[in-house]
C-alpha atoms as a PDB file:
ATOM      1  CA  UNK A   1      12.014  10.857  12.596  1.00  0.00           C
ATOM      2  CA  UNK A   2      10.881  13.081   9.742  1.00  0.00           C
ATOM      3  CA  UNK A   3      13.083  11.434   7.124  1.00  0.00           C
ATOM      4  CA  UNK A   4      11.145   9.260   4.619  1.00  0.00           C
ATOM      5  CA  UNK A   5      13.347   6.224   5.326  1.00  0.00           C
ATOM      6  CA  UNK A   6      12.631   6.573   9.064  1.00  0.00           C
ATOM      7  CA  UNK A   7       8.848   6.677   8.582  1.00  0.00           C
ATOM      8  CA  UNK A   8       8.367   3.822   6.086  1.00  0.00           C
ATOM      9  CA  UNK A   9       9.602   0.541   7.584  1.00  0.00           C
ATOM     10  CA  UNK A  10       8.666  -1.922   4.819  1.00  0.00           C
ATOM     11  CA  UNK A  11       6.060  -2.687   2.190  1.00  0.00           C
ATOM     12  CA  UNK A  12       3.609  -5.481   3.081  1.00  0.00           C
ATOM     13  CA  UNK A  13       3.422  -8.074   0.305  1.00  0.00           C
ATOM     14  CA  UNK A  14       0.487 -10.274   1.227  1.00  0.00           C
ATOM     15  CA  UNK A  15      -2.244 -11.821  -0.878  1.00  0.00           C
ATOM     16  CA  UNK A  16      -4.755  -9.195   0.249  1.00  0.00           C
ATOM     17  CA  UNK A  17      -2.279  -6.347  -0.376  1.00  0.00           C
ATOM     18  CA  UNK A  18      -1.594  -7.628  -3.896  1.00  0.00           C
ATOM     19  CA  UNK A  19      -5.321  -7.719  -4.691  1.00  0.00           C
ATOM     20  CA  UNK A  20      -5.730  -4.160  -3.358  1.00  0.00           C
ATOM     21  CA  UNK A  21      -2.849  -2.984  -5.538  1.00  0.00           C
ATOM     22  CA  UNK A  22      -4.275  -4.577  -8.679  1.00  0.00           C
ATOM     23  CA  UNK A  23      -7.933  -3.601  -8.218  1.00  0.00           C
ATOM     24  CA  UNK A  24      -7.990  -0.324  -6.304  1.00  0.00           C
ATOM     25  CA  UNK A  25      -4.453   1.086  -6.766  1.00  0.00           C
ATOM     26  CA  UNK A  26      -3.870   0.846  -2.980  1.00  0.00           C
ATOM     27  CA  UNK A  27      -0.531  -0.139  -1.475  1.00  0.00           C
ATOM     28  CA  UNK A  28       0.088  -1.396   2.056  1.00  0.00           C
ATOM     29  CA  UNK A  29       3.118  -0.265   4.072  1.00  0.00           C
ATOM     30  CA  UNK A  30       4.358  -0.962   7.572  1.00  0.00           C
ATOM     31  CA  UNK A  31       5.243   2.378   9.164  1.00  0.00           C
ATOM     32  CA  UNK A  32       6.517   3.680  12.502  1.00  0.00           C
ATOM     33  CA  UNK A  33       3.810   3.664  15.209  1.00  0.00           C
ATOM     34  CA  UNK A  34       4.044   7.415  15.836  1.00  0.00           C
ATOM     35  CA  UNK A  35       3.945   8.485  12.166  1.00  0.00           C
ATOM     36  CA  UNK A  36       1.031  10.703  11.157  1.00  0.00           C
ATOM     37  CA  UNK A  37      -0.935  10.475   7.921  1.00  0.00           C
ATOM     38  CA  UNK A  38       0.686  13.681   6.657  1.00  0.00           C
ATOM     39  CA  UNK A  39       4.184  12.334   7.319  1.00  0.00           C
ATOM     40  CA  UNK A  40       3.307   9.064   5.569  1.00  0.00           C
ATOM     41  CA  UNK A  41       1.931  10.972   2.552  1.00  0.00           C
ATOM     42  CA  UNK A  42       5.095  13.083   2.240  1.00  0.00           C
ATOM     43  CA  UNK A  43       7.351  10.032   2.643  1.00  0.00           C
ATOM     44  CA  UNK A  44       5.599   8.077  -0.138  1.00  0.00           C
ATOM     45  CA  UNK A  45       5.584  11.084  -2.468  1.00  0.00           C
ATOM     46  CA  UNK A  46       9.299  11.665  -1.787  1.00  0.00           C
ATOM     47  CA  UNK A  47      10.465   8.055  -2.089  1.00  0.00           C
ATOM     48  CA  UNK A  48       8.359   6.908  -5.043  1.00  0.00           C
ATOM     49  CA  UNK A  49       7.629  10.246  -6.827  1.00  0.00           C
ATOM     50  CA  UNK A  50       3.889   9.409  -7.019  1.00  0.00           C
ATOM     51  CA  UNK A  51       0.780  11.433  -6.108  1.00  0.00           C
ATOM     52  CA  UNK A  52      -1.016  10.187  -2.994  1.00  0.00           C
ATOM     53  CA  UNK A  53      -4.812  10.595  -2.889  1.00  0.00           C
ATOM     54  CA  UNK A  54      -5.484   9.254   0.633  1.00  0.00           C
ATOM     55  CA  UNK A  55      -3.852   7.478   3.566  1.00  0.00           C
ATOM     56  CA  UNK A  56      -5.651   5.109   5.951  1.00  0.00           C
ATOM     57  CA  UNK A  57      -3.892   3.772   9.050  1.00  0.00           C
ATOM     58  CA  UNK A  58      -4.418   0.988  11.584  1.00  0.00           C
ATOM     59  CA  UNK A  59      -2.520   0.268  14.802  1.00  0.00           C
ATOM     60  CA  UNK A  60      -1.666  -3.306  15.796  1.00  0.00           C
ATOM     61  CA  UNK A  61      -0.625  -4.504  19.245  1.00  0.00           C
ATOM     62  CA  UNK A  62       2.309  -6.892  19.442  1.00  0.00           C
ATOM     63  CA  UNK A  63       1.477 -10.494  20.290  1.00  0.00           C
ATOM     64  CA  UNK A  64       2.440 -11.911  23.665  1.00  0.00           C
ATOM     65  CA  UNK A  65       4.834 -14.833  23.475  1.00  0.00           C
ATOM     66  CA  UNK A  66       5.660 -17.421  26.128  1.00  0.00           C
ATOM     67  CA  UNK A  67       8.381 -20.024  25.934  1.00  0.00           C
ATOM     68  CA  UNK A  68       7.803 -22.765  28.554  1.00  0.00           C
ATOM     69  CA  UNK A  69       8.554 -20.435  31.460  1.00  0.00           C
ATOM     70  CA  UNK A  70       6.563 -17.995  33.528  1.00  0.00           C
ATOM     71  CA  UNK A  71       8.329 -15.038  31.866  1.00  0.00           C
ATOM     72  CA  UNK A  72       6.416 -13.521  29.004  1.00  0.00           C
ATOM     73  CA  UNK A  73       7.871 -11.724  26.013  1.00  0.00           C
ATOM     74  CA  UNK A  74       6.110  -9.498  23.520  1.00  0.00           C
ATOM     75  CA  UNK A  75       6.548  -8.605  19.870  1.00  0.00           C
ATOM     76  CA  UNK A  76       6.719  -4.928  19.003  1.00  0.00           C
ATOM     77  CA  UNK A  77       3.590  -2.855  18.307  1.00  0.00           C
ATOM     78  CA  UNK A  78       3.304  -1.708  14.705  1.00  0.00           C
ATOM     79  CA  UNK A  79       1.213   0.436  12.380  1.00  0.00           C
ATOM     80  CA  UNK A  80      -0.139  -0.345   8.919  1.00  0.00           C
ATOM     81  CA  UNK A  81      -0.767   2.345   6.302  1.00  0.00           C
ATOM     82  CA  UNK A  82      -2.935   1.774   3.227  1.00  0.00           C
ATOM     83  CA  UNK A  83      -1.981   4.385   0.637  1.00  0.00           C
ATOM     84  CA  UNK A  84      -4.216   5.173  -2.359  1.00  0.00           C
ATOM     85  CA  UNK A  85      -2.386   6.570  -5.369  1.00  0.00           C
ATOM     86  CA  UNK A  86      -3.709   8.787  -8.143  1.00  0.00           C
ATOM     87  CA  UNK A  87      -5.312   6.916 -11.025  1.00  0.00           C
ATOM     88  CA  UNK A  88      -2.605   5.880 -13.474  1.00  0.00           C
ATOM     89  CA  UNK A  89       0.234   5.878 -10.900  1.00  0.00           C
ATOM     90  CA  UNK A  90       1.753   2.531  -9.965  1.00  0.00           C
ATOM     91  CA  UNK A  91       4.600   1.381  -7.723  1.00  0.00           C
ATOM     92  CA  UNK A  92       6.782  -1.363  -9.176  1.00  0.00           C
ATOM     93  CA  UNK A  93       7.163  -3.967  -6.433  1.00  0.00           C
ATOM     94  CA  UNK A  94       9.521  -6.388  -8.154  1.00  0.00           C
END
């Protein structure tokens, strides 16, 4: 679980995330639910070779889904990390 590729699941490319990246040099990642801020910081610094200033996290509960039966399903819980990089550092997304 401590490998960088195990901690960082994917980068979130939404309209809000793109605005954050352009204005405030903040990047949004989807990470494992049990990852700590320190593990996220080390993973980003290892994978992208950039200096991380701060890490903010938010937990999201998976949505309940029902498909015309009494049995319910549920999407997986996930965690979002907003990573602020040092001024001048950028991550190329394309």
